[in-house]
Amino acid sequence: MALGSNMGDREAHLAHARARLARLPETRLLAASGVEETAPLGPVPQGPYLNQMVLLETMLAPAELLAYCLAIEAERGRVRHVQLERWGPRTLDLDIVRWGERTVREADLVIPHPELPSRDFWRREMAELEEFHG
């Protein structure tokens, strides 16, 4: 799971997300990568992001986890604007990047995340998690 924030108290937003993810039903937070600051992606002018990857073990279905993620984002004031959403700034962004070897292709959820190959920081953070958790 990827966590990102570039609005408000970025560190507090990431900490809130980690705590909430760890308390989800039938879910354990197994590991967290270091926090990394990165330049924003896309054409919208905005401040830098703090990014982090966490490793979860869950019995939730992917769609259930996505629903929880959207609720956690909303708790931190995330407002989704359709026309700016893809590249706009956000208080908190939670992305399901991988689900073991599982593939999901639904209208609102694609796993592995389609941006994984183009985000070096995600791959670095995932490698860090694999190093600590095997």
N, C-alpha and C. Protein backbone atom coordinates (compact mmCIF):
# COMPACT_ATOMS: atom_id res chain seq x y z
N MET A 1 0.85 -1.16 0.00
CA MET A 1 0.00 0.00 0.00
C MET A 1 0.90 1.23 0.00
N ALA A 2 0.62 2.17 -0.90
CA ALA A 2 1.39 3.42 -0.98
C ALA A 2 0.62 4.53 -0.29
N LEU A 3 1.34 5.34 0.49
CA LEU A 3 0.79 6.48 1.17
C LEU A 3 1.48 7.72 0.63
N GLY A 4 0.72 8.77 0.37
CA GLY A 4 1.32 10.01 -0.11
C GLY A 4 0.55 11.21 0.39
N SER A 5 1.25 12.33 0.58
CA SER A 5 0.62 13.56 1.02
C SER A 5 1.45 14.75 0.58
N ASN A 6 0.78 15.80 0.09
CA ASN A 6 1.52 17.03 -0.20
C ASN A 6 0.74 18.28 0.20
N MET A 7 -0.20 18.14 1.10
CA MET A 7 -0.95 19.29 1.61
C MET A 7 -1.05 19.20 3.13
N GLY A 8 -0.94 20.35 3.79
CA GLY A 8 -1.10 20.39 5.24
C GLY A 8 0.06 19.73 5.95
N ASP A 9 -0.23 19.12 7.08
CA ASP A 9 0.79 18.44 7.88
C ASP A 9 1.01 17.05 7.29
N ARG A 10 1.89 16.99 6.31
CA ARG A 10 2.10 15.76 5.55
C ARG A 10 2.47 14.59 6.44
N GLU A 11 3.37 14.81 7.40
CA GLU A 11 3.79 13.72 8.29
C GLU A 11 2.62 13.21 9.12
N ALA A 12 1.79 14.11 9.61
CA ALA A 12 0.63 13.71 10.41
C ALA A 12 -0.37 12.92 9.57
N HIS A 13 -0.55 13.31 8.32
CA HIS A 13 -1.45 12.57 7.45
C HIS A 13 -0.96 11.13 7.25
N LEU A 14 0.35 10.97 7.02
CA LEU A 14 0.90 9.62 6.85
C LEU A 14 0.78 8.81 8.14
N ALA A 15 1.05 9.45 9.28
CA ALA A 15 0.95 8.75 10.56
C ALA A 15 -0.49 8.30 10.82
N HIS A 16 -1.45 9.16 10.51
CA HIS A 16 -2.86 8.80 10.67
C HIS A 16 -3.20 7.58 9.81
N ALA A 17 -2.74 7.61 8.56
CA ALA A 17 -3.02 6.50 7.65
C ALA A 17 -2.43 5.20 8.18
N ARG A 18 -1.18 5.24 8.64
CA ARG A 18 -0.56 4.02 9.18
C ARG A 18 -1.36 3.48 10.36
N ALA A 19 -1.75 4.36 11.27
CA ALA A 19 -2.50 3.93 12.45
C ALA A 19 -3.85 3.35 12.07
N ARG A 20 -4.54 3.99 11.17
CA ARG A 20 -5.87 3.50 10.75
C ARG A 20 -5.77 2.19 9.98
N LEU A 21 -4.80 2.08 9.10
CA LEU A 21 -4.63 0.83 8.35
C LEU A 21 -4.34 -0.33 9.31
N ALA A 22 -3.54 -0.06 10.34
CA ALA A 22 -3.19 -1.10 11.31
C ALA A 22 -4.39 -1.56 12.12
N ARG A 23 -5.43 -0.73 12.20
CA ARG A 23 -6.61 -1.07 12.99
C ARG A 23 -7.78 -1.59 12.15
N LEU A 24 -7.58 -1.77 10.87
CA LEU A 24 -8.67 -2.30 10.04
C LEU A 24 -9.00 -3.73 10.46
N PRO A 25 -10.26 -4.13 10.28
CA PRO A 25 -10.63 -5.51 10.63
C PRO A 25 -9.82 -6.53 9.84
N GLU A 26 -9.45 -7.59 10.50
CA GLU A 26 -8.75 -8.72 9.87
C GLU A 26 -7.51 -8.27 9.09
N THR A 27 -6.81 -7.27 9.64
CA THR A 27 -5.66 -6.68 8.93
C THR A 27 -4.54 -6.41 9.93
N ARG A 28 -3.33 -6.67 9.50
CA ARG A 28 -2.15 -6.34 10.29
C ARG A 28 -1.19 -5.53 9.44
N LEU A 29 -0.63 -4.49 10.02
CA LEU A 29 0.44 -3.74 9.36
C LEU A 29 1.74 -4.43 9.74
N LEU A 30 2.41 -5.03 8.75
CA LEU A 30 3.61 -5.83 9.01
C LEU A 30 4.89 -5.02 8.99
N ALA A 31 4.94 -3.99 8.14
CA ALA A 31 6.18 -3.21 7.99
C ALA A 31 5.86 -1.89 7.31
N ALA A 32 6.74 -0.92 7.52
CA ALA A 32 6.61 0.38 6.87
C ALA A 32 7.99 0.81 6.37
N SER A 33 8.04 1.32 5.17
CA SER A 33 9.30 1.84 4.63
C SER A 33 9.60 3.18 5.28
N GLY A 34 10.77 3.71 5.01
CA GLY A 34 11.07 5.06 5.41
C GLY A 34 10.21 6.04 4.62
N VAL A 35 10.10 7.25 5.12
CA VAL A 35 9.35 8.30 4.43
C VAL A 35 10.31 9.02 3.50
N GLU A 36 9.84 9.29 2.29
CA GLU A 36 10.68 9.89 1.25
C GLU A 36 9.95 11.09 0.65
N GLU A 37 10.66 12.19 0.47
CA GLU A 37 10.06 13.36 -0.20
C GLU A 37 10.37 13.28 -1.69
N THR A 38 9.32 13.48 -2.50
CA THR A 38 9.48 13.41 -3.95
C THR A 38 8.79 14.59 -4.62
N ALA A 39 9.26 14.90 -5.81
CA ALA A 39 8.62 15.94 -6.61
C ALA A 39 7.26 15.44 -7.09
N PRO A 40 6.30 16.35 -7.24
CA PRO A 40 4.99 15.94 -7.73
C PRO A 40 5.06 15.45 -9.18
N LEU A 41 4.16 14.57 -9.53
CA LEU A 41 4.07 14.06 -10.89
C LEU A 41 2.94 14.78 -11.62
N GLY A 42 3.06 14.91 -12.90
CA GLY A 42 1.98 15.49 -13.69
C GLY A 42 2.09 16.98 -13.90
N PRO A 43 1.11 17.55 -14.62
CA PRO A 43 1.19 18.93 -15.07
C PRO A 43 0.71 19.98 -14.07
N VAL A 44 0.10 19.59 -12.94
CA VAL A 44 -0.48 20.56 -12.01
C VAL A 44 0.61 21.09 -11.07
N PRO A 45 0.83 22.42 -11.02
CA PRO A 45 1.81 22.97 -10.09
C PRO A 45 1.38 22.72 -8.64
N GLN A 46 2.29 22.17 -7.83
CA GLN A 46 1.99 21.84 -6.44
C GLN A 46 3.28 21.54 -5.70
N GLY A 47 3.17 21.44 -4.39
CA GLY A 47 4.33 21.18 -3.56
C GLY A 47 4.76 19.73 -3.59
N PRO A 48 5.93 19.45 -3.01
CA PRO A 48 6.46 18.09 -2.99
C PRO A 48 5.63 17.16 -2.10
N TYR A 49 5.74 15.90 -2.38
CA TYR A 49 5.03 14.86 -1.63
C TYR A 49 5.94 14.21 -0.61
N LEU A 50 5.32 13.75 0.47
CA LEU A 50 5.94 12.75 1.33
C LEU A 50 5.30 11.43 0.93
N ASN A 51 6.12 10.42 0.71
CA ASN A 51 5.65 9.11 0.29
C ASN A 51 6.20 8.03 1.22
N GLN A 52 5.41 6.99 1.35
CA GLN A 52 5.81 5.84 2.16
C GLN A 52 5.03 4.64 1.67
N MET A 53 5.60 3.48 1.84
CA MET A 53 4.94 2.23 1.49
C MET A 53 4.78 1.41 2.77
N VAL A 54 3.62 0.77 2.92
CA VAL A 54 3.42 -0.14 4.04
C VAL A 54 3.03 -1.51 3.51
N LEU A 55 3.37 -2.52 4.27
CA LEU A 55 3.03 -3.90 3.94
C LEU A 55 1.92 -4.34 4.88
N LEU A 56 0.79 -4.74 4.29
CA LEU A 56 -0.35 -5.20 5.07
C LEU A 56 -0.58 -6.68 4.83
N GLU A 57 -1.09 -7.33 5.85
CA GLU A 57 -1.62 -8.68 5.73
C GLU A 57 -3.10 -8.55 6.06
N THR A 58 -3.96 -8.96 5.14
CA THR A 58 -5.39 -8.75 5.37
C THR A 58 -6.22 -9.89 4.80
N MET A 59 -7.35 -10.09 5.43
CA MET A 59 -8.35 -11.03 4.93
C MET A 59 -9.45 -10.28 4.17
N LEU A 60 -9.36 -8.97 4.12
CA LEU A 60 -10.34 -8.17 3.38
C LEU A 60 -10.22 -8.44 1.89
N ALA A 61 -11.30 -8.28 1.18
CA ALA A 61 -11.26 -8.34 -0.28
C ALA A 61 -10.70 -7.02 -0.79
N PRO A 62 -10.10 -7.01 -1.97
CA PRO A 62 -9.55 -5.76 -2.51
C PRO A 62 -10.55 -4.60 -2.51
N ALA A 63 -11.79 -4.85 -2.92
CA ALA A 63 -12.80 -3.78 -2.95
C ALA A 63 -13.10 -3.26 -1.54
N GLU A 64 -13.08 -4.15 -0.54
CA GLU A 64 -13.31 -3.73 0.85
C GLU A 64 -12.16 -2.84 1.32
N LEU A 65 -10.93 -3.25 1.02
CA LEU A 65 -9.78 -2.44 1.42
C LEU A 65 -9.83 -1.08 0.73
N LEU A 66 -10.19 -1.04 -0.54
CA LEU A 66 -10.31 0.22 -1.25
C LEU A 66 -11.33 1.13 -0.56
N ALA A 67 -12.47 0.59 -0.16
CA ALA A 67 -13.50 1.40 0.52
C ALA A 67 -12.96 1.98 1.82
N TYR A 68 -12.22 1.19 2.58
CA TYR A 68 -11.61 1.71 3.80
C TYR A 68 -10.60 2.81 3.48
N CYS A 69 -9.81 2.60 2.44
CA CYS A 69 -8.81 3.62 2.05
C CYS A 69 -9.47 4.94 1.70
N LEU A 70 -10.56 4.89 0.96
CA LEU A 70 -11.27 6.12 0.59
C LEU A 70 -11.81 6.82 1.83
N ALA A 71 -12.30 6.05 2.81
CA ALA A 71 -12.79 6.63 4.06
C ALA A 71 -11.65 7.28 4.85
N ILE A 72 -10.50 6.62 4.91
CA ILE A 72 -9.34 7.17 5.63
C ILE A 72 -8.88 8.46 4.96
N GLU A 73 -8.84 8.49 3.63
CA GLU A 73 -8.49 9.73 2.91
C GLU A 73 -9.46 10.85 3.30
N ALA A 74 -10.75 10.54 3.33
CA ALA A 74 -11.76 11.55 3.66
C ALA A 74 -11.59 12.06 5.09
N GLU A 75 -11.18 11.19 6.01
CA GLU A 75 -10.94 11.61 7.40
C GLU A 75 -9.89 12.71 7.47
N ARG A 76 -8.98 12.71 6.53
CA ARG A 76 -7.90 13.71 6.52
C ARG A 76 -8.22 14.88 5.59
N GLY A 77 -9.46 15.00 5.20
CA GLY A 77 -9.90 16.16 4.44
C GLY A 77 -9.73 16.03 2.93
N ARG A 78 -9.48 14.84 2.45
CA ARG A 78 -9.34 14.69 1.00
C ARG A 78 -10.68 14.90 0.33
N VAL A 79 -10.69 15.78 -0.64
CA VAL A 79 -11.88 16.03 -1.44
C VAL A 79 -11.52 15.67 -2.87
N ARG A 80 -12.31 14.83 -3.47
CA ARG A 80 -12.03 14.38 -4.83
C ARG A 80 -12.72 15.29 -5.84
N HIS A 81 -11.92 15.96 -6.65
CA HIS A 81 -12.42 16.80 -7.73
C HIS A 81 -12.14 16.06 -9.03
N VAL A 82 -13.16 15.66 -9.71
CA VAL A 82 -13.00 14.82 -10.89
C VAL A 82 -12.05 15.43 -11.91
N GLN A 83 -12.19 16.72 -12.21
CA GLN A 83 -11.38 17.30 -13.27
C GLN A 83 -9.91 17.46 -12.87
N LEU A 84 -9.58 17.53 -11.60
CA LEU A 84 -8.19 17.70 -11.16
C LEU A 84 -7.62 16.45 -10.51
N GLU A 85 -8.44 15.44 -10.32
CA GLU A 85 -8.05 14.33 -9.46
C GLU A 85 -6.76 13.63 -9.89
N ARG A 86 -6.59 13.37 -11.15
CA ARG A 86 -5.47 12.53 -11.55
C ARG A 86 -4.12 13.10 -11.12
N TRP A 87 -3.93 14.39 -11.24
CA TRP A 87 -2.61 14.95 -10.94
C TRP A 87 -2.64 16.03 -9.88
N GLY A 88 -3.76 16.24 -9.22
CA GLY A 88 -3.89 17.35 -8.27
C GLY A 88 -3.27 17.07 -6.92
N PRO A 89 -3.10 18.14 -6.12
CA PRO A 89 -2.58 18.00 -4.76
C PRO A 89 -3.59 17.29 -3.87
N ARG A 90 -3.09 16.68 -2.80
CA ARG A 90 -3.99 15.97 -1.89
C ARG A 90 -3.43 15.89 -0.49
N THR A 91 -4.34 15.92 0.48
CA THR A 91 -3.93 15.77 1.87
C THR A 91 -3.41 14.36 2.10
N LEU A 92 -4.11 13.38 1.51
CA LEU A 92 -3.72 11.99 1.69
C LEU A 92 -4.15 11.18 0.48
N ASP A 93 -3.24 10.36 0.01
CA ASP A 93 -3.52 9.48 -1.12
C ASP A 93 -3.08 8.08 -0.72
N LEU A 94 -4.00 7.13 -0.76
CA LEU A 94 -3.70 5.74 -0.44
C LEU A 94 -3.94 4.91 -1.69
N ASP A 95 -2.92 4.20 -2.13
CA ASP A 95 -3.02 3.38 -3.33
C ASP A 95 -2.67 1.93 -3.01
N ILE A 96 -3.52 1.03 -3.44
CA ILE A 96 -3.20 -0.40 -3.36
C ILE A 96 -2.31 -0.67 -4.57
N VAL A 97 -1.06 -0.95 -4.31
CA VAL A 97 -0.08 -1.08 -5.39
C VAL A 97 0.05 -2.54 -5.85
N ARG A 98 0.14 -3.45 -4.90
CA ARG A 98 0.23 -4.88 -5.22
C ARG A 98 -0.61 -5.65 -4.21
N TRP A 99 -0.97 -6.88 -4.60
CA TRP A 99 -1.73 -7.77 -3.72
C TRP A 99 -1.13 -9.16 -3.89
N GLY A 100 0.07 -9.32 -3.38
CA GLY A 100 0.79 -10.57 -3.61
C GLY A 100 0.96 -10.76 -5.10
N GLU A 101 0.58 -11.92 -5.59
CA GLU A 101 0.65 -12.20 -7.03
C GLU A 101 -0.70 -12.00 -7.72
N ARG A 102 -1.67 -11.57 -6.95
CA ARG A 102 -3.04 -11.42 -7.47
C ARG A 102 -3.15 -10.24 -8.44
N THR A 103 -3.99 -10.41 -9.46
CA THR A 103 -4.31 -9.36 -10.41
C THR A 103 -5.79 -9.02 -10.27
N VAL A 104 -6.10 -7.73 -10.25
CA VAL A 104 -7.48 -7.26 -10.18
C VAL A 104 -7.69 -6.28 -11.32
N ARG A 105 -8.76 -6.43 -12.06
CA ARG A 105 -9.11 -5.52 -13.15
C ARG A 105 -10.58 -5.17 -13.01
N GLU A 106 -10.87 -4.10 -12.25
CA GLU A 106 -12.23 -3.62 -12.06
C GLU A 106 -12.28 -2.16 -12.49
N ALA A 107 -13.47 -1.62 -12.64
CA ALA A 107 -13.62 -0.24 -13.10
C ALA A 107 -12.89 0.76 -12.21
N ASP A 108 -12.94 0.55 -10.89
CA ASP A 108 -12.34 1.51 -9.96
C ASP A 108 -11.10 0.98 -9.24
N LEU A 109 -10.60 -0.18 -9.65
CA LEU A 109 -9.43 -0.75 -8.99
C LEU A 109 -8.67 -1.66 -9.94
N VAL A 110 -7.39 -1.33 -10.14
CA VAL A 110 -6.51 -2.15 -10.96
C VAL A 110 -5.28 -2.49 -10.11
N ILE A 111 -5.00 -3.78 -9.97
CA ILE A 111 -3.85 -4.26 -9.22
C ILE A 111 -3.14 -5.30 -10.07
N PRO A 112 -1.82 -5.19 -10.25
CA PRO A 112 -0.92 -4.17 -9.73
C PRO A 112 -1.28 -2.78 -10.27
N HIS A 113 -0.96 -1.79 -9.47
CA HIS A 113 -1.26 -0.41 -9.84
C HIS A 113 -0.60 -0.09 -11.17
N PRO A 114 -1.34 0.51 -12.12
CA PRO A 114 -0.78 0.77 -13.45
C PRO A 114 0.43 1.70 -13.46
N GLU A 115 0.60 2.52 -12.43
CA GLU A 115 1.74 3.46 -12.38
C GLU A 115 2.99 2.84 -11.75
N LEU A 116 2.91 1.62 -11.26
CA LEU A 116 4.06 1.00 -10.59
C LEU A 116 5.33 1.03 -11.44
N PRO A 117 5.29 0.69 -12.71
CA PRO A 117 6.53 0.71 -13.49
C PRO A 117 7.17 2.09 -13.63
N SER A 118 6.39 3.15 -13.49
CA SER A 118 6.94 4.49 -13.73
C SER A 118 7.28 5.24 -12.44
N ARG A 119 7.09 4.64 -11.31
CA ARG A 119 7.37 5.33 -10.04
C ARG A 119 8.53 4.67 -9.32
N ASP A 120 9.72 5.22 -9.56
CA ASP A 120 10.93 4.67 -8.95
C ASP A 120 10.84 4.64 -7.43
N PHE A 121 10.25 5.68 -6.84
CA PHE A 121 10.19 5.74 -5.38
C PHE A 121 9.34 4.60 -4.82
N TRP A 122 8.28 4.19 -5.52
CA TRP A 122 7.50 3.04 -5.06
C TRP A 122 8.35 1.78 -5.09
N ARG A 123 9.11 1.60 -6.14
CA ARG A 123 9.94 0.39 -6.25
C ARG A 123 11.02 0.38 -5.17
N ARG A 124 11.61 1.54 -4.89
CA ARG A 124 12.61 1.62 -3.80
C ARG A 124 11.97 1.27 -2.46
N GLU A 125 10.80 1.82 -2.21
CA GLU A 125 10.12 1.58 -0.93
C GLU A 125 9.69 0.12 -0.81
N MET A 126 9.23 -0.47 -1.90
CA MET A 126 8.85 -1.89 -1.88
C MET A 126 10.08 -2.77 -1.62
N ALA A 127 11.20 -2.42 -2.23
CA ALA A 127 12.43 -3.18 -2.00
C ALA A 127 12.84 -3.09 -0.53
N GLU A 128 12.65 -1.92 0.06
CA GLU A 128 12.97 -1.75 1.49
C GLU A 128 12.06 -2.66 2.34
N LEU A 129 10.79 -2.72 2.02
CA LEU A 129 9.87 -3.59 2.76
C LEU A 129 10.27 -5.05 2.60
N GLU A 130 10.62 -5.45 1.39
CA GLU A 130 11.02 -6.83 1.16
C GLU A 130 12.29 -7.19 1.91
N GLU A 131 13.19 -6.21 2.02
CA GLU A 131 14.43 -6.43 2.76
C GLU A 131 14.15 -6.69 4.23
N PHE A 132 13.21 -5.95 4.79
CA PHE A 132 12.90 -6.10 6.22
C PHE A 132 11.96 -7.24 6.50
N HIS A 133 11.11 -7.58 5.54
CA HIS A 133 10.10 -8.59 5.84
C HIS A 133 10.26 -9.87 5.01
N GLY A 134 11.21 -9.85 4.09
CA GLY A 134 11.44 -11.05 3.31
C GLY A 134 10.39 -11.23 2.27
